[in-house]
Amino acid sequence: MGKVTRRRFQLPPIALDPASPRPLYLQVCSAIKRAICDGHLPAGSRLRSTRAMAKLLGISRTTAVTAYEMLASEDLIESTPGSGTRVRTTRMIPPVHVANWELLIREARYPARATRLQDPDGNLLQLNS
């Protein structure tokens, strides 16, 4: 049986600007997201631990954890205990990009049916079905 070699993918250099009004965790999140979208971090590639990422970038671990949590909330990465954090192979929920989300909700006519009641004290109650 031959030796299995793993391809290593390098995260492109991340330049952070502490003087920027944009928080550091968003800067880190954007840089990693860009690396994923550009193919520098393909599906299945393993990211550094939050401690190692914090040390590499000279930021607090909390900042690195927050950036990873943001990426996970967008279904870009997933963490498995004992296996580390990896770029997701498939996205669970496709992103919704709507310029005017209020209009989208209004046009959906949600809730479809609403019943309004008034209690003896004059309080208005609304039941959605």
N, C-alpha and C. Protein backbone atom coordinates (compact mmCIF):
# COMPACT_ATOMS: atom_id res chain seq x y z
N MET A 1 0.84 -1.16 0.00
CA MET A 1 0.00 0.00 0.00
C MET A 1 0.89 1.24 0.00
N GLY A 2 0.62 2.20 -0.88
CA GLY A 2 1.44 3.40 -1.00
C GLY A 2 1.17 4.41 0.10
N LYS A 3 2.10 5.26 0.26
CA LYS A 3 1.97 6.31 1.27
C LYS A 3 0.98 7.37 0.78
N VAL A 4 0.08 7.76 1.67
CA VAL A 4 -0.91 8.77 1.32
C VAL A 4 -0.31 10.14 1.59
N THR A 5 -0.33 10.97 0.57
CA THR A 5 0.17 12.33 0.74
C THR A 5 -1.01 13.29 0.76
N ARG A 6 -0.95 14.23 1.65
CA ARG A 6 -2.02 15.22 1.75
C ARG A 6 -1.56 16.52 1.12
N ARG A 7 -2.44 17.09 0.32
CA ARG A 7 -2.14 18.40 -0.26
C ARG A 7 -2.37 19.46 0.80
N ARG A 8 -1.44 20.33 0.96
CA ARG A 8 -1.59 21.42 1.91
C ARG A 8 -1.95 22.68 1.15
N PHE A 9 -2.91 23.37 1.68
CA PHE A 9 -3.34 24.62 1.08
C PHE A 9 -2.97 25.75 2.02
N GLN A 10 -2.35 26.74 1.46
CA GLN A 10 -1.91 27.87 2.25
C GLN A 10 -2.93 29.00 2.19
N LEU A 11 -3.20 29.55 3.34
CA LEU A 11 -4.04 30.73 3.41
C LEU A 11 -3.24 31.91 2.88
N PRO A 12 -3.79 32.65 1.92
CA PRO A 12 -3.05 33.82 1.42
C PRO A 12 -2.79 34.79 2.57
N PRO A 13 -1.78 35.61 2.46
CA PRO A 13 -1.50 36.58 3.53
C PRO A 13 -2.71 37.44 3.83
N ILE A 14 -2.95 37.63 5.12
CA ILE A 14 -4.08 38.45 5.56
C ILE A 14 -3.51 39.74 6.16
N ALA A 15 -3.88 40.86 5.56
CA ALA A 15 -3.43 42.16 6.07
C ALA A 15 -4.57 42.77 6.88
N LEU A 16 -4.33 42.95 8.17
CA LEU A 16 -5.34 43.54 9.04
C LEU A 16 -4.99 44.99 9.32
N ASP A 17 -6.01 45.81 9.43
CA ASP A 17 -5.80 47.23 9.72
C ASP A 17 -6.48 47.56 11.05
N PRO A 18 -5.70 47.58 12.15
CA PRO A 18 -6.29 47.88 13.45
C PRO A 18 -6.90 49.28 13.54
N ALA A 19 -6.48 50.20 12.69
CA ALA A 19 -7.00 51.56 12.71
C ALA A 19 -8.32 51.68 11.94
N SER A 20 -8.68 50.64 11.21
CA SER A 20 -9.91 50.67 10.42
C SER A 20 -11.14 50.70 11.32
N PRO A 21 -12.20 51.38 10.88
CA PRO A 21 -13.44 51.36 11.66
C PRO A 21 -14.11 49.98 11.61
N ARG A 22 -13.70 49.17 10.65
CA ARG A 22 -14.24 47.81 10.50
C ARG A 22 -13.57 46.90 11.53
N PRO A 23 -14.35 46.18 12.36
CA PRO A 23 -13.77 45.33 13.39
C PRO A 23 -12.83 44.26 12.81
N LEU A 24 -11.84 43.86 13.60
CA LEU A 24 -10.85 42.88 13.14
C LEU A 24 -11.50 41.56 12.77
N TYR A 25 -12.50 41.12 13.54
CA TYR A 25 -13.12 39.83 13.23
C TYR A 25 -13.76 39.83 11.86
N LEU A 26 -14.32 40.99 11.44
CA LEU A 26 -14.91 41.08 10.10
C LEU A 26 -13.82 41.09 9.03
N GLN A 27 -12.69 41.71 9.33
CA GLN A 27 -11.57 41.70 8.38
C GLN A 27 -11.06 40.28 8.17
N VAL A 28 -10.92 39.53 9.27
CA VAL A 28 -10.45 38.13 9.18
C VAL A 28 -11.48 37.30 8.43
N CYS A 29 -12.74 37.46 8.79
CA CYS A 29 -13.83 36.72 8.14
C CYS A 29 -13.84 36.97 6.64
N SER A 30 -13.73 38.24 6.23
CA SER A 30 -13.73 38.59 4.80
C SER A 30 -12.55 37.99 4.07
N ALA A 31 -11.38 38.02 4.71
CA ALA A 31 -10.18 37.48 4.06
C ALA A 31 -10.29 35.98 3.85
N ILE A 32 -10.79 35.25 4.86
CA ILE A 32 -10.94 33.80 4.71
C ILE A 32 -12.03 33.49 3.69
N LYS A 33 -13.12 34.23 3.74
CA LYS A 33 -14.21 34.03 2.78
C LYS A 33 -13.72 34.25 1.35
N ARG A 34 -12.92 35.30 1.16
CA ARG A 34 -12.35 35.59 -0.17
C ARG A 34 -11.44 34.44 -0.62
N ALA A 35 -10.65 33.90 0.31
CA ALA A 35 -9.75 32.79 -0.02
C ALA A 35 -10.55 31.55 -0.42
N ILE A 36 -11.69 31.32 0.23
CA ILE A 36 -12.55 30.18 -0.12
C ILE A 36 -13.16 30.40 -1.49
N CYS A 37 -13.72 31.59 -1.71
CA CYS A 37 -14.38 31.89 -2.99
C CYS A 37 -13.42 31.91 -4.16
N ASP A 38 -12.17 32.33 -3.92
CA ASP A 38 -11.16 32.39 -4.98
C ASP A 38 -10.50 31.03 -5.24
N GLY A 39 -10.80 30.03 -4.42
CA GLY A 39 -10.24 28.70 -4.62
C GLY A 39 -8.91 28.45 -3.93
N HIS A 40 -8.42 29.43 -3.17
CA HIS A 40 -7.17 29.21 -2.43
C HIS A 40 -7.37 28.21 -1.30
N LEU A 41 -8.60 28.13 -0.79
CA LEU A 41 -8.97 27.14 0.23
C LEU A 41 -10.14 26.34 -0.32
N PRO A 42 -9.85 25.26 -1.05
CA PRO A 42 -10.93 24.47 -1.65
C PRO A 42 -11.69 23.67 -0.60
N ALA A 43 -12.82 23.13 -1.00
CA ALA A 43 -13.65 22.32 -0.12
C ALA A 43 -12.83 21.21 0.51
N GLY A 44 -13.02 21.03 1.81
CA GLY A 44 -12.31 19.98 2.54
C GLY A 44 -10.99 20.40 3.12
N SER A 45 -10.46 21.55 2.71
CA SER A 45 -9.17 21.96 3.25
C SER A 45 -9.33 22.38 4.71
N ARG A 46 -8.31 22.08 5.48
CA ARG A 46 -8.35 22.30 6.92
C ARG A 46 -7.79 23.67 7.27
N LEU A 47 -8.51 24.36 8.13
CA LEU A 47 -8.05 25.67 8.62
C LEU A 47 -7.25 25.47 9.90
N ARG A 48 -6.44 26.45 10.22
CA ARG A 48 -5.70 26.42 11.48
C ARG A 48 -6.69 26.49 12.63
N SER A 49 -6.26 26.03 13.79
CA SER A 49 -7.09 26.17 14.98
C SER A 49 -7.24 27.65 15.29
N THR A 50 -8.22 28.00 16.10
CA THR A 50 -8.41 29.41 16.43
C THR A 50 -7.21 29.96 17.19
N ARG A 51 -6.59 29.13 18.02
CA ARG A 51 -5.40 29.58 18.75
C ARG A 51 -4.24 29.86 17.78
N ALA A 52 -4.04 28.94 16.84
CA ALA A 52 -2.96 29.12 15.87
C ALA A 52 -3.24 30.31 14.95
N MET A 53 -4.50 30.49 14.56
CA MET A 53 -4.86 31.62 13.69
C MET A 53 -4.64 32.94 14.43
N ALA A 54 -5.03 32.97 15.70
CA ALA A 54 -4.85 34.19 16.50
C ALA A 54 -3.36 34.53 16.63
N LYS A 55 -2.55 33.51 16.88
CA LYS A 55 -1.11 33.74 17.02
C LYS A 55 -0.51 34.21 15.69
N LEU A 56 -0.91 33.57 14.59
CA LEU A 56 -0.40 33.93 13.26
C LEU A 56 -0.71 35.38 12.91
N LEU A 57 -1.94 35.82 13.22
CA LEU A 57 -2.39 37.16 12.83
C LEU A 57 -2.13 38.22 13.90
N GLY A 58 -1.72 37.79 15.09
CA GLY A 58 -1.46 38.74 16.16
C GLY A 58 -2.73 39.36 16.72
N ILE A 59 -3.79 38.54 16.80
CA ILE A 59 -5.08 38.99 17.33
C ILE A 59 -5.45 38.14 18.53
N SER A 60 -6.50 38.51 19.22
CA SER A 60 -6.95 37.69 20.35
C SER A 60 -7.66 36.44 19.83
N ARG A 61 -7.69 35.42 20.66
CA ARG A 61 -8.38 34.19 20.26
C ARG A 61 -9.87 34.46 20.10
N THR A 62 -10.43 35.34 20.92
CA THR A 62 -11.85 35.69 20.81
C THR A 62 -12.16 36.25 19.43
N THR A 63 -11.27 37.06 18.89
CA THR A 63 -11.46 37.62 17.55
C THR A 63 -11.46 36.50 16.51
N ALA A 64 -10.54 35.56 16.64
CA ALA A 64 -10.47 34.43 15.70
C ALA A 64 -11.72 33.55 15.82
N VAL A 65 -12.15 33.29 17.05
CA VAL A 65 -13.35 32.47 17.27
C VAL A 65 -14.57 33.15 16.64
N THR A 66 -14.70 34.45 16.84
CA THR A 66 -15.83 35.18 16.27
C THR A 66 -15.82 35.13 14.75
N ALA A 67 -14.66 35.27 14.15
CA ALA A 67 -14.55 35.19 12.68
C ALA A 67 -14.96 33.80 12.20
N TYR A 68 -14.50 32.75 12.87
CA TYR A 68 -14.86 31.38 12.50
C TYR A 68 -16.37 31.16 12.67
N GLU A 69 -16.94 31.71 13.74
CA GLU A 69 -18.38 31.55 13.96
C GLU A 69 -19.18 32.23 12.85
N MET A 70 -18.70 33.39 12.40
CA MET A 70 -19.38 34.08 11.29
C MET A 70 -19.32 33.24 10.01
N LEU A 71 -18.15 32.65 9.74
CA LEU A 71 -18.01 31.81 8.55
C LEU A 71 -18.88 30.56 8.67
N ALA A 72 -18.98 30.00 9.86
CA ALA A 72 -19.83 28.82 10.07
C ALA A 72 -21.29 29.18 9.89
N SER A 73 -21.68 30.38 10.32
CA SER A 73 -23.08 30.80 10.17
C SER A 73 -23.46 30.97 8.70
N GLU A 74 -22.47 31.21 7.86
CA GLU A 74 -22.70 31.33 6.42
C GLU A 74 -22.51 29.99 5.71
N ASP A 75 -22.33 28.91 6.48
CA ASP A 75 -22.13 27.55 5.94
C ASP A 75 -20.88 27.44 5.07
N LEU A 76 -19.87 28.24 5.35
CA LEU A 76 -18.63 28.15 4.59
C LEU A 76 -17.64 27.18 5.22
N ILE A 77 -17.68 27.06 6.55
CA ILE A 77 -16.79 26.15 7.26
C ILE A 77 -17.59 25.34 8.26
N GLU A 78 -16.99 24.24 8.71
CA GLU A 78 -17.62 23.42 9.74
C GLU A 78 -16.54 22.87 10.65
N SER A 79 -16.86 22.79 11.94
CA SER A 79 -15.92 22.28 12.92
C SER A 79 -16.42 20.94 13.43
N THR A 80 -15.50 19.99 13.50
CA THR A 80 -15.81 18.68 14.03
C THR A 80 -14.81 18.39 15.15
N PRO A 81 -15.32 18.12 16.36
CA PRO A 81 -14.40 17.83 17.47
C PRO A 81 -13.44 16.69 17.11
N GLY A 82 -12.17 16.92 17.33
CA GLY A 82 -11.15 15.93 17.03
C GLY A 82 -10.66 15.94 15.60
N SER A 83 -11.39 16.64 14.73
CA SER A 83 -11.01 16.67 13.31
C SER A 83 -10.63 18.07 12.85
N GLY A 84 -10.94 19.06 13.64
CA GLY A 84 -10.59 20.43 13.28
C GLY A 84 -11.67 21.14 12.50
N THR A 85 -11.30 22.26 11.94
CA THR A 85 -12.22 23.10 11.17
C THR A 85 -11.84 23.01 9.71
N ARG A 86 -12.84 22.73 8.89
CA ARG A 86 -12.61 22.54 7.46
C ARG A 86 -13.58 23.38 6.64
N VAL A 87 -13.17 23.65 5.40
CA VAL A 87 -14.05 24.32 4.46
C VAL A 87 -15.13 23.31 4.07
N ARG A 88 -16.37 23.73 4.12
CA ARG A 88 -17.49 22.82 3.82
C ARG A 88 -17.41 22.34 2.37
N THR A 89 -17.79 21.08 2.20
CA THR A 89 -17.83 20.53 0.85
C THR A 89 -19.11 20.92 0.13
N THR A 90 -20.21 20.98 0.86
CA THR A 90 -21.47 21.42 0.28
C THR A 90 -22.12 22.40 1.24
N ARG A 91 -22.82 23.34 0.68
CA ARG A 91 -23.51 24.32 1.53
C ARG A 91 -24.91 23.81 1.80
N MET A 92 -25.32 23.94 3.05
CA MET A 92 -26.63 23.45 3.45
C MET A 92 -27.75 24.37 2.96
N ILE A 93 -27.60 25.65 3.13
CA ILE A 93 -28.62 26.61 2.76
C ILE A 93 -28.02 27.60 1.78
N PRO A 94 -28.59 27.71 0.60
CA PRO A 94 -28.04 28.68 -0.34
C PRO A 94 -28.25 30.10 0.18
N PRO A 95 -27.29 30.97 -0.05
CA PRO A 95 -27.45 32.34 0.44
C PRO A 95 -28.54 33.08 -0.32
N VAL A 96 -29.23 33.94 0.37
CA VAL A 96 -30.26 34.75 -0.25
C VAL A 96 -29.73 36.18 -0.32
N HIS A 97 -29.62 36.68 -1.53
CA HIS A 97 -29.14 38.04 -1.74
C HIS A 97 -30.30 38.85 -2.30
N VAL A 98 -30.91 39.63 -1.44
CA VAL A 98 -32.05 40.44 -1.84
C VAL A 98 -31.73 41.89 -1.50
N ALA A 99 -31.89 42.73 -2.47
CA ALA A 99 -31.60 44.14 -2.25
C ALA A 99 -32.59 44.75 -1.26
N ASN A 100 -33.84 44.37 -1.35
CA ASN A 100 -34.87 44.95 -0.49
C ASN A 100 -35.64 43.82 0.18
N TRP A 101 -35.17 43.36 1.34
CA TRP A 101 -35.81 42.23 2.02
C TRP A 101 -37.19 42.59 2.55
N GLU A 102 -37.44 43.86 2.87
CA GLU A 102 -38.76 44.25 3.36
C GLU A 102 -39.81 44.05 2.26
N LEU A 103 -39.46 44.40 1.04
CA LEU A 103 -40.37 44.20 -0.09
C LEU A 103 -40.63 42.72 -0.31
N LEU A 104 -39.59 41.90 -0.19
CA LEU A 104 -39.75 40.46 -0.35
C LEU A 104 -40.73 39.90 0.67
N ILE A 105 -40.63 40.31 1.92
CA ILE A 105 -41.55 39.83 2.95
C ILE A 105 -42.96 40.32 2.68
N ARG A 106 -43.10 41.59 2.30
CA ARG A 106 -44.43 42.13 2.02
C ARG A 106 -45.09 41.39 0.86
N GLU A 107 -44.33 41.09 -0.20
CA GLU A 107 -44.88 40.39 -1.35
C GLU A 107 -45.23 38.94 -1.03
N ALA A 108 -44.56 38.36 -0.03
CA ALA A 108 -44.85 36.98 0.35
C ALA A 108 -46.18 36.88 1.10
N ARG A 109 -46.71 38.02 1.54
CA ARG A 109 -47.97 38.10 2.26
C ARG A 109 -47.98 37.18 3.48
N TYR A 110 -46.85 37.21 4.21
CA TYR A 110 -46.74 36.41 5.42
C TYR A 110 -47.14 37.25 6.61
N PRO A 111 -47.90 36.78 7.56
CA PRO A 111 -48.60 35.50 7.57
C PRO A 111 -49.79 35.53 6.62
N ALA A 112 -50.17 34.36 6.15
CA ALA A 112 -51.24 34.26 5.16
C ALA A 112 -52.58 34.70 5.76
N ARG A 113 -52.79 34.40 7.03
CA ARG A 113 -54.05 34.72 7.65
C ARG A 113 -53.79 35.22 9.07
N ALA A 114 -54.38 36.30 9.42
CA ALA A 114 -54.23 36.84 10.77
C ALA A 114 -55.62 37.15 11.32
N THR A 115 -55.85 36.72 12.55
CA THR A 115 -57.11 36.98 13.22
C THR A 115 -56.84 37.94 14.37
N ARG A 116 -57.59 39.01 14.43
CA ARG A 116 -57.40 39.99 15.50
C ARG A 116 -58.55 39.88 16.48
N LEU A 117 -58.20 39.82 17.74
CA LEU A 117 -59.18 39.73 18.81
C LEU A 117 -58.89 40.82 19.82
N GLN A 118 -59.91 41.16 20.58
CA GLN A 118 -59.72 42.15 21.62
C GLN A 118 -60.24 41.55 22.92
N ASP A 119 -59.40 41.59 23.97
CA ASP A 119 -59.82 41.03 25.26
C ASP A 119 -60.70 42.06 26.00
N PRO A 120 -61.34 41.63 27.11
CA PRO A 120 -62.25 42.54 27.82
C PRO A 120 -61.59 43.83 28.31
N ASP A 121 -60.27 43.82 28.48
CA ASP A 121 -59.57 45.02 28.94
C ASP A 121 -59.23 45.97 27.79
N GLY A 122 -59.53 45.58 26.56
CA GLY A 122 -59.27 46.42 25.42
C GLY A 122 -57.93 46.16 24.74
N ASN A 123 -57.17 45.13 25.21
CA ASN A 123 -55.89 44.79 24.58
C ASN A 123 -56.13 44.05 23.27
N LEU A 124 -55.38 44.42 22.27
CA LEU A 124 -55.51 43.82 20.94
C LEU A 124 -54.61 42.61 20.85
N LEU A 125 -55.16 41.48 20.44
CA LEU A 125 -54.41 40.24 20.26
C LEU A 125 -54.46 39.87 18.78
N GLN A 126 -53.36 39.38 18.26
CA GLN A 126 -53.31 38.97 16.86
C GLN A 126 -52.83 37.54 16.79
N LEU A 127 -53.59 36.67 16.15
CA LEU A 127 -53.23 35.28 15.98
C LEU A 127 -52.89 35.05 14.52
N ASN A 128 -51.71 34.51 14.28
CA ASN A 128 -51.28 34.22 12.91
C ASN A 128 -51.43 32.74 12.64
N SER A 129 -51.94 32.42 11.47
CA SER A 129 -52.07 31.00 11.11
C SER A 129 -51.55 30.75 9.72
